[in-house]
Amino acid sequence: MIKQLFIILISLGISPQSTVKEQNEVKVLNFDQLQPFLHRENDTVYLVNFWATWCTPCRKEMPAIKSVAEKYRDKPFKVLLVSLDLPGQIQSSLIPYLETNEINQEVVLLDDPNQNRWIDLVDPSWSGELPFTLIYSKDFREPHSEIFTFEKLDSIINSKLILP
């Protein structure tokens, strides 16, 4: 039975290793690789959230981010979750957290030890505390150091989207 399932998966082009983990694959980037994601010039509203699995306030606000992302998934709105976990924790902490909480938004892990350089480049008002959220489009750029509720985040995103 397992052999037949394996053959069926292979014939469909699905690796037996293709699980939710692949869905939650996490790219590891240095800041220079991340920086273009922080300055896109188009009609989309971007929410870039800096967080970590070890950060209790980050975990507290994650359901709000997930719910807003789902609410506006058909709108010009994109979420990028920038994990500040250690690269060695991807398999042991980060991916299990994403799977357990059914987080399907794009996630990257920022692996750049020179925080003194890149924190100011993300936003000069950011002191480095987590969570930190940058909401921007070509027309505005807003840093947020608060822990979002769904209602607060929904209100902000709704006011920024130019809906027909």
C-alpha atoms as a PDB file:
ATOM      1  CA  MET A   1       0.000   0.000   0.000  1.00  0.00           C
ATOM      2  CA  ILE A   2       2.773   2.466   0.924  1.00  0.00           C
ATOM      3  CA  LYS A   3       4.685   1.502  -2.226  1.00  0.00           C
ATOM      4  CA  GLN A   4       1.571   2.165  -4.346  1.00  0.00           C
ATOM      5  CA  LEU A   5       1.067   5.552  -2.694  1.00  0.00           C
ATOM      6  CA  PHE A   6       4.723   6.379  -3.339  1.00  0.00           C
ATOM      7  CA  ILE A   7       4.349   5.465  -7.042  1.00  0.00           C
ATOM      8  CA  ILE A   8       1.145   7.536  -7.346  1.00  0.00           C
ATOM      9  CA  LEU A   9       2.803  10.558  -5.740  1.00  0.00           C
ATOM     10  CA  ILE A  10       5.851  10.290  -8.003  1.00  0.00           C
ATOM     11  CA  SER A  11       3.647   9.950 -11.109  1.00  0.00           C
ATOM     12  CA  LEU A  12       1.800  13.119 -10.091  1.00  0.00           C
ATOM     13  CA  GLY A  13       5.115  14.939  -9.695  1.00  0.00           C
ATOM     14  CA  ILE A  14       4.777  15.097  -5.937  1.00  0.00           C
ATOM     15  CA  SER A  15       7.755  14.161  -3.839  1.00  0.00           C
ATOM     16  CA  PRO A  16       6.875  12.010  -0.831  1.00  0.00           C
ATOM     17  CA  GLN A  17       8.686  14.712   1.163  1.00  0.00           C
ATOM     18  CA  SER A  18       6.151  17.350  -0.069  1.00  0.00           C
ATOM     19  CA  THR A  19       4.274  18.150   3.074  1.00  0.00           C
ATOM     20  CA  VAL A  20       3.130  21.303   4.794  1.00  0.00           C
ATOM     21  CA  LYS A  21       6.818  21.994   5.479  1.00  0.00           C
ATOM     22  CA  GLU A  22       7.379  22.610   1.779  1.00  0.00           C
ATOM     23  CA  GLN A  23       4.399  24.950   1.812  1.00  0.00           C
ATOM     24  CA  ASN A  24       6.086  26.769   4.691  1.00  0.00           C
ATOM     25  CA  GLU A  25       9.559  26.750   3.178  1.00  0.00           C
ATOM     26  CA  VAL A  26      11.610  29.527   4.688  1.00  0.00           C
ATOM     27  CA  LYS A  27      14.233  31.402   2.690  1.00  0.00           C
ATOM     28  CA  VAL A  28      17.240  32.658   4.619  1.00  0.00           C
ATOM     29  CA  LEU A  29      18.282  36.154   3.556  1.00  0.00           C
ATOM     30  CA  ASN A  30      20.856  38.700   4.612  1.00  0.00           C
ATOM     31  CA  PHE A  31      19.720  42.313   4.849  1.00  0.00           C
ATOM     32  CA  ASP A  32      20.924  43.258   1.367  1.00  0.00           C
ATOM     33  CA  GLN A  33      18.723  40.482  -0.031  1.00  0.00           C
ATOM     34  CA  LEU A  34      15.764  41.592   2.112  1.00  0.00           C
ATOM     35  CA  GLN A  35      16.024  45.307   1.402  1.00  0.00           C
ATOM     36  CA  PRO A  36      14.210  45.264  -1.993  1.00  0.00           C
ATOM     37  CA  PHE A  37      11.146  43.815  -0.208  1.00  0.00           C
ATOM     38  CA  LEU A  38      11.038  46.987   1.907  1.00  0.00           C
ATOM     39  CA  HIS A  39      10.874  49.442  -0.984  1.00  0.00           C
ATOM     40  CA  ARG A  40       8.494  48.247  -3.662  1.00  0.00           C
ATOM     41  CA  GLU A  41       6.994  51.000  -5.784  1.00  0.00           C
ATOM     42  CA  ASN A  42       3.605  49.801  -6.976  1.00  0.00           C
ATOM     43  CA  ASP A  43      -0.083  49.990  -6.039  1.00  0.00           C
ATOM     44  CA  THR A  44       0.112  47.205  -3.469  1.00  0.00           C
ATOM     45  CA  VAL A  45       0.008  47.811   0.283  1.00  0.00           C
ATOM     46  CA  TYR A  46       2.734  45.840   2.054  1.00  0.00           C
ATOM     47  CA  LEU A  47       2.869  44.730   5.661  1.00  0.00           C
ATOM     48  CA  VAL A  48       6.356  43.619   6.699  1.00  0.00           C
ATOM     49  CA  ASN A  49       6.419  42.203  10.212  1.00  0.00           C
ATOM     50  CA  PHE A  50       9.683  41.575  12.072  1.00  0.00           C
ATOM     51  CA  TRP A  51       9.117  38.880  14.687  1.00  0.00           C
ATOM     52  CA  ALA A  52      10.488  35.700  16.268  1.00  0.00           C
ATOM     53  CA  THR A  53       9.001  32.508  17.661  1.00  0.00           C
ATOM     54  CA  TRP A  54      10.633  33.218  21.051  1.00  0.00           C
ATOM     55  CA  CYS A  55       8.919  36.645  21.256  1.00  0.00           C
ATOM     56  CA  THR A  56       5.696  36.396  23.287  1.00  0.00           C
ATOM     57  CA  PRO A  57       4.194  39.694  21.992  1.00  0.00           C
ATOM     58  CA  CYS A  58       4.989  38.563  18.436  1.00  0.00           C
ATOM     59  CA  ARG A  59       3.101  35.308  18.939  1.00  0.00           C
ATOM     60  CA  LYS A  60       0.241  37.257  20.522  1.00  0.00           C
ATOM     61  CA  GLU A  61      -0.257  39.457  17.444  1.00  0.00           C
ATOM     62  CA  MET A  62       0.308  36.747  14.815  1.00  0.00           C
ATOM     63  CA  PRO A  63      -3.397  35.709  14.667  1.00  0.00           C
ATOM     64  CA  ALA A  64      -4.317  39.326  13.836  1.00  0.00           C
ATOM     65  CA  ILE A  65      -1.790  39.450  10.997  1.00  0.00           C
ATOM     66  CA  LYS A  66      -2.926  36.074   9.703  1.00  0.00           C
ATOM     67  CA  SER A  67      -6.607  37.108   9.797  1.00  0.00           C
ATOM     68  CA  VAL A  68      -5.982  40.424   8.030  1.00  0.00           C
ATOM     69  CA  ALA A  69      -3.903  38.649   5.380  1.00  0.00           C
ATOM     70  CA  GLU A  70      -6.756  36.219   4.790  1.00  0.00           C
ATOM     71  CA  LYS A  71      -9.395  38.982   4.734  1.00  0.00           C
ATOM     72  CA  TYR A  72      -7.532  40.980   2.085  1.00  0.00           C
ATOM     73  CA  ARG A  73      -6.026  38.098   0.103  1.00  0.00           C
ATOM     74  CA  ASP A  74      -7.906  39.159  -3.047  1.00  0.00           C
ATOM     75  CA  LYS A  75      -6.874  42.804  -2.707  1.00  0.00           C
ATOM     76  CA  PRO A  76      -3.591  44.561  -3.556  1.00  0.00           C
ATOM     77  CA  PHE A  77      -2.179  43.645  -0.152  1.00  0.00           C
ATOM     78  CA  LYS A  78       0.817  41.454   0.693  1.00  0.00           C
ATOM     79  CA  VAL A  79       2.290  40.255   3.973  1.00  0.00           C
ATOM     80  CA  LEU A  80       5.915  39.353   4.541  1.00  0.00           C
ATOM     81  CA  LEU A  81       6.880  37.846   7.894  1.00  0.00           C
ATOM     82  CA  VAL A  82      10.557  38.422   8.650  1.00  0.00           C
ATOM     83  CA  SER A  83      11.678  35.986  11.307  1.00  0.00           C
ATOM     84  CA  LEU A  84      14.614  36.915  13.504  1.00  0.00           C
ATOM     85  CA  ASP A  85      14.984  33.387  14.829  1.00  0.00           C
ATOM     86  CA  LEU A  86      18.413  31.788  14.536  1.00  0.00           C
ATOM     87  CA  PRO A  87      19.021  29.872  11.274  1.00  0.00           C
ATOM     88  CA  GLY A  88      19.596  26.700  13.303  1.00  0.00           C
ATOM     89  CA  GLN A  89      16.041  26.978  14.652  1.00  0.00           C
ATOM     90  CA  ILE A  90      14.240  26.798  11.292  1.00  0.00           C
ATOM     91  CA  GLN A  91      13.465  23.075  11.525  1.00  0.00           C
ATOM     92  CA  SER A  92      13.142  22.855  15.305  1.00  0.00           C
ATOM     93  CA  SER A  93      11.113  26.002  16.071  1.00  0.00           C
ATOM     94  CA  LEU A  94      10.124  28.142  13.104  1.00  0.00           C
ATOM     95  CA  ILE A  95       8.562  25.614  10.744  1.00  0.00           C
ATOM     96  CA  PRO A  96       6.735  23.764  13.550  1.00  0.00           C
ATOM     97  CA  TYR A  97       5.315  27.124  14.724  1.00  0.00           C
ATOM     98  CA  LEU A  98       4.152  27.977  11.193  1.00  0.00           C
ATOM     99  CA  GLU A  99       2.580  24.542  10.750  1.00  0.00           C
ATOM    100  CA  THR A 100       0.885  24.458  14.157  1.00  0.00           C
ATOM    101  CA  ASN A 101      -0.604  27.917  13.591  1.00  0.00           C
ATOM    102  CA  GLU A 102      -1.426  27.290   9.908  1.00  0.00           C
ATOM    103  CA  ILE A 103       0.474  30.385   8.795  1.00  0.00           C
ATOM    104  CA  ASN A 104       0.643  30.439   5.010  1.00  0.00           C
ATOM    105  CA  GLN A 105       1.963  33.959   4.471  1.00  0.00           C
ATOM    106  CA  GLU A 106       5.421  34.413   2.975  1.00  0.00           C
ATOM    107  CA  VAL A 107       8.111  33.947   5.621  1.00  0.00           C
ATOM    108  CA  VAL A 108      11.808  34.711   5.358  1.00  0.00           C
ATOM    109  CA  LEU A 109      14.465  34.419   8.017  1.00  0.00           C
ATOM    110  CA  LEU A 110      16.789  37.401   8.314  1.00  0.00           C
ATOM    111  CA  ASP A 111      20.291  36.140   9.035  1.00  0.00           C
ATOM    112  CA  ASP A 112      22.405  39.262   9.301  1.00  0.00           C
ATOM    113  CA  PRO A 113      24.306  39.880  12.530  1.00  0.00           C
ATOM    114  CA  ASN A 114      24.909  43.577  11.815  1.00  0.00           C
ATOM    115  CA  GLN A 115      21.684  44.863  13.419  1.00  0.00           C
ATOM    116  CA  ASN A 116      23.266  48.265  14.089  1.00  0.00           C
ATOM    117  CA  ARG A 117      23.411  48.782  10.333  1.00  0.00           C
ATOM    118  CA  TRP A 118      20.117  47.381   9.142  1.00  0.00           C
ATOM    119  CA  ILE A 119      17.697  48.418  11.911  1.00  0.00           C
ATOM    120  CA  ASP A 120      18.086  52.082  10.918  1.00  0.00           C
ATOM    121  CA  LEU A 121      17.787  51.154   7.248  1.00  0.00           C
ATOM    122  CA  VAL A 122      14.444  49.462   7.912  1.00  0.00           C
ATOM    123  CA  ASP A 123      13.226  52.573   9.712  1.00  0.00           C
ATOM    124  CA  PRO A 124      15.185  55.248  11.613  1.00  0.00           C
ATOM    125  CA  SER A 125      12.545  55.307  14.375  1.00  0.00           C
ATOM    126  CA  TRP A 126      12.905  51.559  15.094  1.00  0.00           C
ATOM    127  CA  SER A 127      14.918  50.837  18.230  1.00  0.00           C
ATOM    128  CA  GLY A 128      15.103  47.110  17.437  1.00  0.00           C
ATOM    129  CA  GLU A 129      12.276  45.905  19.701  1.00  0.00           C
ATOM    130  CA  LEU A 130       9.928  43.159  18.537  1.00  0.00           C
ATOM    131  CA  PRO A 131       7.429  42.986  17.119  1.00  0.00           C
ATOM    132  CA  PHE A 132       7.964  45.736  14.577  1.00  0.00           C
ATOM    133  CA  THR A 133       5.727  46.254  11.573  1.00  0.00           C
ATOM    134  CA  LEU A 134       6.276  48.388   8.520  1.00  0.00           C
ATOM    135  CA  ILE A 135       3.175  49.158   6.454  1.00  0.00           C
ATOM    136  CA  TYR A 136       3.883  50.883   3.183  1.00  0.00           C
ATOM    137  CA  SER A 137       3.060  51.460  -0.468  1.00  0.00           C
ATOM    138  CA  LYS A 138       4.445  53.848  -3.039  1.00  0.00           C
ATOM    139  CA  ASP A 139       2.412  56.629  -1.383  1.00  0.00           C
ATOM    140  CA  PHE A 140       3.152  56.172   2.334  1.00  0.00           C
ATOM    141  CA  ARG A 141       5.444  54.467   4.834  1.00  0.00           C
ATOM    142  CA  GLU A 142       4.370  53.838   8.452  1.00  0.00           C
ATOM    143  CA  PRO A 143       6.373  52.118  11.198  1.00  0.00           C
ATOM    144  CA  HIS A 144       4.481  50.446  14.049  1.00  0.00           C
ATOM    145  CA  SER A 145       5.949  49.117  17.299  1.00  0.00           C
ATOM    146  CA  GLU A 146       2.638  48.166  18.866  1.00  0.00           C
ATOM    147  CA  ILE A 147       1.131  44.714  19.325  1.00  0.00           C
ATOM    148  CA  PHE A 148      -1.738  44.645  16.864  1.00  0.00           C
ATOM    149  CA  THR A 149      -5.237  43.397  17.475  1.00  0.00           C
ATOM    150  CA  PHE A 150      -7.245  42.327  14.458  1.00  0.00           C
ATOM    151  CA  GLU A 151      -9.514  45.371  14.778  1.00  0.00           C
ATOM    152  CA  LYS A 152      -6.649  47.861  14.864  1.00  0.00           C
ATOM    153  CA  LEU A 153      -4.731  46.242  12.019  1.00  0.00           C
ATOM    154  CA  ASP A 154      -7.878  45.779   9.927  1.00  0.00           C
ATOM    155  CA  SER A 155      -8.714  49.471  10.369  1.00  0.00           C
ATOM    156  CA  ILE A 156      -5.236  50.531   9.236  1.00  0.00           C
ATOM    157  CA  ILE A 157      -5.138  48.250   6.201  1.00  0.00           C
ATOM    158  CA  ASN A 158      -8.707  49.078   5.185  1.00  0.00           C
ATOM    159  CA  SER A 159      -7.909  52.808   5.286  1.00  0.00           C
ATOM    160  CA  LYS A 160      -4.789  52.309   3.138  1.00  0.00           C
ATOM    161  CA  LEU A 161      -6.341  50.175   0.418  1.00  0.00           C
ATOM    162  CA  ILE A 162      -7.864  52.104  -2.428  1.00  0.00           C
ATOM    163  CA  LEU A 163     -10.818  49.894  -3.142  1.00  0.00           C
ATOM    164  CA  PRO A 164     -13.051  50.310  -6.197  1.00  0.00           C
END
